[in-house]
């Protein structure tokens, strides 16, 4: 009877750890966008053990490519823009996007605008996940 209890306990522990292992490298990103004129878009990207899935404005794109882009951009998305960078004063438009969620173990909460040359470049760097500017 004690052996049966030990085996049952081990199965419970293994069962509880499988979802954690499967989702350890998961992507779950919610992206919201506004063009400054009241038009809004939203998208949701999920990459986990059930496969890549995309909704909203991302639905028309290849979810597998989006997942690869999210993994490639992991550090960029998770880090705030450098505070002391020198930026050209080139206005790219009123567009604004926010990316929130996680890429693997990295928490993401990054806002993208196009208010100067640095922000326009950042938008271009993350373009695979963001909508095309208006």
N, C-alpha and C. Protein backbone atom coordinates (compact mmCIF):
# COMPACT_ATOMS: atom_id res chain seq x y z
N UNK A 1 0.82 -1.19 0.00
CA UNK A 1 0.00 0.00 0.00
C UNK A 1 0.86 1.26 0.00
N UNK A 2 1.96 1.23 0.75
CA UNK A 2 2.85 2.38 0.79
C UNK A 2 3.48 2.63 -0.57
N UNK A 3 3.82 1.56 -1.28
CA UNK A 3 4.38 1.73 -2.63
C UNK A 3 3.38 2.39 -3.56
N UNK A 4 2.13 1.98 -3.46
CA UNK A 4 1.09 2.55 -4.29
C UNK A 4 0.94 4.04 -4.01
N UNK A 5 1.00 4.41 -2.75
CA UNK A 5 0.90 5.82 -2.39
C UNK A 5 2.08 6.62 -2.93
N UNK A 6 3.29 6.04 -2.88
CA UNK A 6 4.49 6.70 -3.41
C UNK A 6 4.35 6.88 -4.91
N UNK A 7 3.91 5.85 -5.61
CA UNK A 7 3.74 5.95 -7.07
C UNK A 7 2.67 6.99 -7.43
N UNK A 8 1.58 6.99 -6.68
CA UNK A 8 0.53 7.97 -6.94
C UNK A 8 1.05 9.39 -6.74
N UNK A 9 1.81 9.59 -5.67
CA UNK A 9 2.39 10.91 -5.38
C UNK A 9 3.36 11.33 -6.49
N UNK A 10 4.17 10.40 -6.98
CA UNK A 10 5.12 10.70 -8.06
C UNK A 10 4.37 11.08 -9.33
N UNK A 11 3.30 10.38 -9.64
CA UNK A 11 2.51 10.71 -10.82
C UNK A 11 1.89 12.10 -10.71
N UNK A 12 1.44 12.46 -9.53
CA UNK A 12 0.89 13.81 -9.31
C UNK A 12 1.96 14.86 -9.55
N UNK A 13 3.15 14.64 -9.00
CA UNK A 13 4.24 15.60 -9.18
C UNK A 13 4.64 15.72 -10.64
N UNK A 14 4.74 14.60 -11.34
CA UNK A 14 5.09 14.64 -12.77
C UNK A 14 3.99 15.36 -13.54
N UNK A 15 2.74 15.05 -13.24
CA UNK A 15 1.62 15.70 -13.93
C UNK A 15 1.58 17.19 -13.71
N UNK A 16 1.95 17.63 -12.52
CA UNK A 16 1.97 19.07 -12.25
C UNK A 16 3.14 19.76 -12.92
N UNK A 17 4.23 19.06 -13.12
CA UNK A 17 5.41 19.71 -13.69
C UNK A 17 5.38 19.76 -15.21
N UNK A 18 4.64 18.90 -15.87
CA UNK A 18 4.63 18.88 -17.33
C UNK A 18 4.14 20.20 -17.92
N UNK A 19 3.00 20.78 -17.47
CA UNK A 19 2.62 22.06 -18.05
C UNK A 19 3.66 23.15 -17.82
N UNK A 20 4.31 23.14 -16.67
CA UNK A 20 5.33 24.16 -16.41
C UNK A 20 6.50 24.00 -17.36
N UNK A 21 6.91 22.78 -17.62
CA UNK A 21 8.01 22.54 -18.55
C UNK A 21 7.59 22.93 -19.96
N UNK A 22 6.38 22.56 -20.36
CA UNK A 22 5.91 22.85 -21.71
C UNK A 22 5.78 24.35 -21.97
N UNK A 23 5.43 25.10 -20.92
CA UNK A 23 5.22 26.53 -21.12
C UNK A 23 6.46 27.37 -20.78
N UNK A 24 7.55 26.73 -20.38
CA UNK A 24 8.73 27.49 -19.98
C UNK A 24 9.26 28.37 -21.10
N UNK A 25 9.15 27.95 -22.34
CA UNK A 25 9.62 28.74 -23.46
C UNK A 25 8.49 29.39 -24.24
N UNK A 26 7.33 29.52 -23.61
CA UNK A 26 6.14 30.01 -24.30
C UNK A 26 6.20 31.51 -24.56
N UNK A 27 5.45 31.90 -25.57
CA UNK A 27 5.24 33.32 -25.89
C UNK A 27 3.76 33.61 -25.70
N UNK A 28 3.47 34.70 -25.02
CA UNK A 28 2.10 35.17 -24.86
C UNK A 28 2.16 36.70 -24.90
N UNK A 29 1.91 37.27 -26.06
CA UNK A 29 2.02 38.72 -26.24
C UNK A 29 0.68 39.30 -26.69
N UNK A 30 0.28 40.38 -26.04
CA UNK A 30 -0.89 41.16 -26.46
C UNK A 30 -0.38 42.50 -26.96
N UNK A 31 -0.81 42.85 -28.15
CA UNK A 31 -0.34 44.07 -28.79
C UNK A 31 -1.54 44.95 -29.09
N UNK A 32 -1.47 46.20 -28.62
CA UNK A 32 -2.52 47.16 -28.92
C UNK A 32 -1.90 48.31 -29.71
N UNK A 33 -2.70 48.88 -30.61
CA UNK A 33 -2.20 49.91 -31.52
C UNK A 33 -3.26 50.99 -31.71
N UNK A 34 -2.81 52.22 -31.79
CA UNK A 34 -3.66 53.34 -32.13
C UNK A 34 -2.93 54.24 -33.12
N UNK A 35 -3.68 54.77 -34.09
CA UNK A 35 -3.03 55.59 -35.13
C UNK A 35 -3.07 57.08 -34.83
N UNK A 36 -3.61 57.47 -33.67
CA UNK A 36 -3.69 58.88 -33.32
C UNK A 36 -4.94 59.55 -33.82
N UNK A 37 -5.70 58.88 -34.68
CA UNK A 37 -6.93 59.45 -35.22
C UNK A 37 -8.15 58.66 -34.73
N UNK A 38 -7.96 57.82 -33.73
CA UNK A 38 -9.07 57.06 -33.17
C UNK A 38 -9.22 55.65 -33.69
N UNK A 39 -8.43 55.26 -34.67
CA UNK A 39 -8.49 53.89 -35.18
C UNK A 39 -7.59 53.00 -34.34
N UNK A 40 -8.13 51.88 -33.89
CA UNK A 40 -7.38 50.98 -33.02
C UNK A 40 -7.36 49.58 -33.59
N UNK A 41 -6.29 48.86 -33.26
CA UNK A 41 -6.15 47.45 -33.63
C UNK A 41 -5.57 46.73 -32.42
N UNK A 42 -5.86 45.45 -32.35
CA UNK A 42 -5.29 44.62 -31.29
C UNK A 42 -4.95 43.25 -31.86
N UNK A 43 -3.95 42.63 -31.29
CA UNK A 43 -3.56 41.29 -31.70
C UNK A 43 -3.04 40.51 -30.50
N UNK A 44 -3.10 39.21 -30.61
CA UNK A 44 -2.64 38.33 -29.54
C UNK A 44 -1.85 37.20 -30.19
N UNK A 45 -0.63 37.00 -29.70
CA UNK A 45 0.25 35.95 -30.21
C UNK A 45 0.53 34.96 -29.09
N UNK A 46 0.29 33.69 -29.36
CA UNK A 46 0.57 32.63 -28.40
C UNK A 46 1.41 31.58 -29.10
N UNK A 47 2.52 31.21 -28.47
CA UNK A 47 3.39 30.15 -28.98
C UNK A 47 3.67 29.23 -27.79
N UNK A 48 3.06 28.06 -27.80
CA UNK A 48 3.26 27.15 -26.68
C UNK A 48 3.22 25.72 -27.19
N UNK A 49 3.06 24.78 -26.30
CA UNK A 49 3.10 23.37 -26.68
C UNK A 49 1.95 22.99 -27.61
N UNK A 50 0.91 23.81 -27.69
CA UNK A 50 -0.21 23.54 -28.61
C UNK A 50 0.04 24.14 -29.99
N UNK A 51 1.16 24.84 -30.16
CA UNK A 51 1.50 25.41 -31.45
C UNK A 51 1.30 26.91 -31.50
N UNK A 52 1.74 27.55 -32.58
CA UNK A 52 1.61 29.01 -32.70
C UNK A 52 0.19 29.40 -33.12
N UNK A 53 -0.32 30.47 -32.47
CA UNK A 53 -1.65 30.98 -32.78
C UNK A 53 -1.62 32.50 -32.72
N UNK A 54 -2.35 33.13 -33.64
CA UNK A 54 -2.41 34.59 -33.68
C UNK A 54 -3.85 35.03 -33.94
N UNK A 55 -4.27 36.09 -33.24
CA UNK A 55 -5.61 36.62 -33.43
C UNK A 55 -5.52 38.12 -33.72
N UNK A 56 -6.66 38.71 -34.00
CA UNK A 56 -6.71 40.15 -34.29
C UNK A 56 -5.99 40.48 -35.58
N UNK A 57 -5.32 41.62 -35.61
CA UNK A 57 -4.65 42.04 -36.84
C UNK A 57 -3.50 41.10 -37.22
N UNK A 58 -3.02 40.30 -36.28
CA UNK A 58 -1.95 39.33 -36.58
C UNK A 58 -2.47 38.09 -37.30
N UNK A 59 -3.77 37.91 -37.33
CA UNK A 59 -4.39 36.71 -37.91
C UNK A 59 -3.97 36.46 -39.36
N UNK A 60 -3.72 37.50 -40.12
CA UNK A 60 -3.37 37.35 -41.53
C UNK A 60 -1.89 37.02 -41.75
N UNK A 61 -1.10 37.00 -40.68
CA UNK A 61 0.33 36.71 -40.78
C UNK A 61 0.60 35.26 -40.37
N UNK A 62 1.74 34.76 -40.75
CA UNK A 62 2.13 33.38 -40.42
C UNK A 62 2.52 33.31 -38.94
N UNK A 63 1.74 32.59 -38.11
CA UNK A 63 2.03 32.57 -36.68
C UNK A 63 3.38 31.96 -36.34
N UNK A 64 3.85 31.01 -37.11
CA UNK A 64 5.17 30.41 -36.84
C UNK A 64 6.27 31.46 -37.04
N UNK A 65 6.15 32.28 -38.09
CA UNK A 65 7.13 33.36 -38.30
C UNK A 65 7.05 34.40 -37.19
N UNK A 66 5.84 34.70 -36.75
CA UNK A 66 5.67 35.66 -35.65
C UNK A 66 6.34 35.14 -34.38
N UNK A 67 6.20 33.85 -34.11
CA UNK A 67 6.83 33.26 -32.92
C UNK A 67 8.35 33.35 -33.01
N UNK A 68 8.88 33.04 -34.18
CA UNK A 68 10.34 33.15 -34.36
C UNK A 68 10.80 34.59 -34.16
N UNK A 69 10.02 35.54 -34.68
CA UNK A 69 10.36 36.96 -34.51
C UNK A 69 10.31 37.34 -33.03
N UNK A 70 9.33 36.86 -32.30
CA UNK A 70 9.22 37.18 -30.87
C UNK A 70 10.43 36.65 -30.11
N UNK A 71 10.85 35.42 -30.41
CA UNK A 71 12.04 34.87 -29.74
C UNK A 71 13.29 35.67 -30.10
N UNK A 72 13.38 36.06 -31.37
CA UNK A 72 14.54 36.83 -31.83
C UNK A 72 14.59 38.21 -31.16
N UNK A 73 13.42 38.79 -30.90
CA UNK A 73 13.32 40.13 -30.32
C UNK A 73 13.19 40.13 -28.79
N UNK A 74 13.34 38.98 -28.17
CA UNK A 74 13.09 38.83 -26.73
C UNK A 74 13.79 39.91 -25.89
N UNK A 75 15.08 40.05 -26.02
CA UNK A 75 15.82 41.04 -25.21
C UNK A 75 15.39 42.46 -25.52
N UNK A 76 15.20 42.74 -26.79
CA UNK A 76 14.79 44.08 -27.22
C UNK A 76 13.43 44.44 -26.63
N UNK A 77 12.48 43.52 -26.68
CA UNK A 77 11.14 43.79 -26.17
C UNK A 77 11.11 43.91 -24.64
N UNK A 78 11.96 43.14 -23.97
CA UNK A 78 11.93 43.11 -22.51
C UNK A 78 12.67 44.29 -21.87
N UNK A 79 13.53 44.95 -22.62
CA UNK A 79 14.34 46.04 -22.06
C UNK A 79 13.72 47.40 -22.42
N UNK A 80 13.78 48.34 -21.49
CA UNK A 80 13.32 49.69 -21.85
C UNK A 80 14.32 50.34 -22.80
N UNK A 81 13.87 51.30 -23.59
CA UNK A 81 14.82 51.98 -24.48
C UNK A 81 15.87 52.71 -23.64
N UNK A 82 17.09 52.80 -24.12
CA UNK A 82 18.13 53.53 -23.37
C UNK A 82 17.70 54.98 -23.15
N UNK A 83 17.95 55.50 -21.96
CA UNK A 83 17.52 56.86 -21.63
C UNK A 83 18.40 57.94 -22.24
N UNK A 84 19.67 57.68 -22.41
CA UNK A 84 20.61 58.73 -22.83
C UNK A 84 20.94 58.71 -24.31
N UNK A 85 20.11 58.14 -25.13
CA UNK A 85 20.47 58.08 -26.55
C UNK A 85 20.14 59.39 -27.26
N UNK A 86 20.97 59.71 -28.21
CA UNK A 86 20.79 60.92 -29.01
C UNK A 86 19.88 60.57 -30.19
N UNK A 87 18.80 61.31 -30.34
CA UNK A 87 17.82 61.00 -31.37
C UNK A 87 17.58 62.20 -32.29
N UNK A 88 17.42 61.91 -33.56
CA UNK A 88 17.06 62.98 -34.50
C UNK A 88 15.63 63.42 -34.21
N UNK A 89 15.33 64.64 -34.48
CA UNK A 89 13.99 65.16 -34.25
C UNK A 89 13.17 65.03 -35.53
N UNK A 90 13.02 63.81 -35.96
CA UNK A 90 12.21 63.49 -37.14
C UNK A 90 10.92 62.83 -36.65
N UNK A 91 9.81 63.48 -36.90
CA UNK A 91 8.52 62.98 -36.45
C UNK A 91 8.00 61.95 -37.43
N UNK A 92 7.73 60.76 -36.94
CA UNK A 92 7.25 59.68 -37.80
C UNK A 92 5.75 59.51 -37.82
N UNK A 93 5.04 60.26 -36.98
CA UNK A 93 3.59 60.16 -36.94
C UNK A 93 3.08 59.89 -35.54
N UNK A 94 1.76 59.94 -35.38
CA UNK A 94 1.16 59.80 -34.05
C UNK A 94 0.93 58.34 -33.62
N UNK A 95 1.36 57.39 -34.43
CA UNK A 95 1.13 55.98 -34.12
C UNK A 95 1.73 55.61 -32.76
N UNK A 96 1.03 54.69 -32.07
CA UNK A 96 1.47 54.24 -30.76
C UNK A 96 1.07 52.77 -30.61
N UNK A 97 1.99 51.96 -30.13
CA UNK A 97 1.71 50.54 -29.89
C UNK A 97 2.26 50.14 -28.53
N UNK A 98 1.60 49.20 -27.92
CA UNK A 98 2.07 48.66 -26.64
C UNK A 98 2.09 47.14 -26.75
N UNK A 99 3.22 46.56 -26.36
CA UNK A 99 3.39 45.11 -26.38
C UNK A 99 3.53 44.65 -24.94
N UNK A 100 2.65 43.76 -24.51
CA UNK A 100 2.67 43.26 -23.13
C UNK A 100 2.57 41.74 -23.12
N UNK A 101 3.20 41.14 -22.14
CA UNK A 101 3.12 39.69 -21.97
C UNK A 101 4.46 39.10 -21.61
N UNK A 102 4.77 37.97 -22.23
CA UNK A 102 6.06 37.35 -21.97
C UNK A 102 6.57 36.62 -23.21
N UNK A 103 7.90 36.58 -23.28
CA UNK A 103 8.60 35.77 -24.27
C UNK A 103 9.52 34.88 -23.45
N UNK A 104 9.18 33.59 -23.40
CA UNK A 104 9.89 32.64 -22.55
C UNK A 104 9.87 33.17 -21.12
N UNK A 105 11.02 33.37 -20.52
CA UNK A 105 11.08 33.81 -19.12
C UNK A 105 11.16 35.34 -18.99
N UNK A 106 11.08 36.06 -20.07
CA UNK A 106 11.22 37.53 -20.04
C UNK A 106 9.84 38.20 -20.05
N UNK A 107 9.60 39.07 -19.07
CA UNK A 107 8.38 39.87 -19.04
C UNK A 107 8.53 41.03 -20.02
N UNK A 108 7.47 41.31 -20.74
CA UNK A 108 7.48 42.37 -21.74
C UNK A 108 6.38 43.38 -21.43
N UNK A 109 6.73 44.64 -21.41
CA UNK A 109 5.77 45.74 -21.33
C UNK A 109 6.46 46.95 -21.95
N UNK A 110 6.33 47.08 -23.25
CA UNK A 110 7.07 48.10 -23.98
C UNK A 110 6.12 48.91 -24.83
N UNK A 111 6.32 50.22 -24.82
CA UNK A 111 5.52 51.14 -25.62
C UNK A 111 6.37 51.63 -26.78
N UNK A 112 5.79 51.63 -27.97
CA UNK A 112 6.45 52.11 -29.17
C UNK A 112 5.69 53.32 -29.69
N UNK A 113 6.42 54.37 -30.01
CA UNK A 113 5.84 55.54 -30.66
C UNK A 113 6.72 55.87 -31.87
N UNK A 114 6.37 56.94 -32.57
CA UNK A 114 7.16 57.35 -33.74
C UNK A 114 7.45 58.84 -33.64
N UNK A 115 7.74 59.30 -32.42
CA UNK A 115 7.89 60.73 -32.17
C UNK A 115 9.27 61.29 -32.47
N UNK A 116 10.26 60.42 -32.68
CA UNK A 116 11.61 60.89 -33.05
C UNK A 116 12.34 59.77 -33.78
N UNK A 117 13.53 60.06 -34.25
CA UNK A 117 14.27 59.09 -35.04
C UNK A 117 14.56 57.79 -34.31
N UNK A 118 14.83 57.85 -33.01
CA UNK A 118 15.08 56.63 -32.24
C UNK A 118 13.83 55.76 -32.16
N UNK A 119 12.70 56.40 -31.90
CA UNK A 119 11.45 55.65 -31.79
C UNK A 119 11.04 55.06 -33.15
N UNK A 120 11.26 55.82 -34.21
CA UNK A 120 10.97 55.29 -35.55
C UNK A 120 11.84 54.07 -35.82
N UNK A 121 13.12 54.12 -35.43
CA UNK A 121 14.02 52.98 -35.61
C UNK A 121 13.58 51.79 -34.76
N UNK A 122 13.16 52.05 -33.51
CA UNK A 122 12.68 50.97 -32.65
C UNK A 122 11.46 50.30 -33.26
N UNK A 123 10.54 51.11 -33.79
CA UNK A 123 9.34 50.57 -34.44
C UNK A 123 9.75 49.67 -35.60
N UNK A 124 10.69 50.15 -36.39
CA UNK A 124 11.18 49.35 -37.52
C UNK A 124 11.81 48.04 -37.07
N UNK A 125 12.52 48.07 -35.96
CA UNK A 125 13.16 46.86 -35.44
C UNK A 125 12.12 45.82 -35.01
N UNK A 126 11.01 46.28 -34.46
CA UNK A 126 9.95 45.38 -33.99
C UNK A 126 8.82 45.21 -35.01
N UNK A 127 9.03 45.69 -36.23
CA UNK A 127 7.98 45.71 -37.25
C UNK A 127 7.32 44.36 -37.48
N UNK A 128 8.04 43.27 -37.28
CA UNK A 128 7.46 41.94 -37.51
C UNK A 128 6.22 41.71 -36.65
N UNK A 129 6.15 42.36 -35.48
CA UNK A 129 5.02 42.16 -34.57
C UNK A 129 4.04 43.33 -34.56
N UNK A 130 4.46 44.49 -35.04
CA UNK A 130 3.64 45.69 -34.97
C UNK A 130 2.88 45.91 -36.27
N UNK A 131 1.76 46.65 -36.21
CA UNK A 131 1.05 47.01 -37.44
C UNK A 131 1.86 48.00 -38.26
N UNK A 132 1.59 48.06 -39.52
CA UNK A 132 2.21 49.08 -40.37
C UNK A 132 1.67 50.44 -39.94
N UNK A 133 2.53 51.43 -39.80
CA UNK A 133 2.04 52.76 -39.42
C UNK A 133 1.05 53.32 -40.42
N UNK A 134 0.14 54.14 -39.94
CA UNK A 134 -0.89 54.75 -40.81
C UNK A 134 -0.28 55.68 -41.83
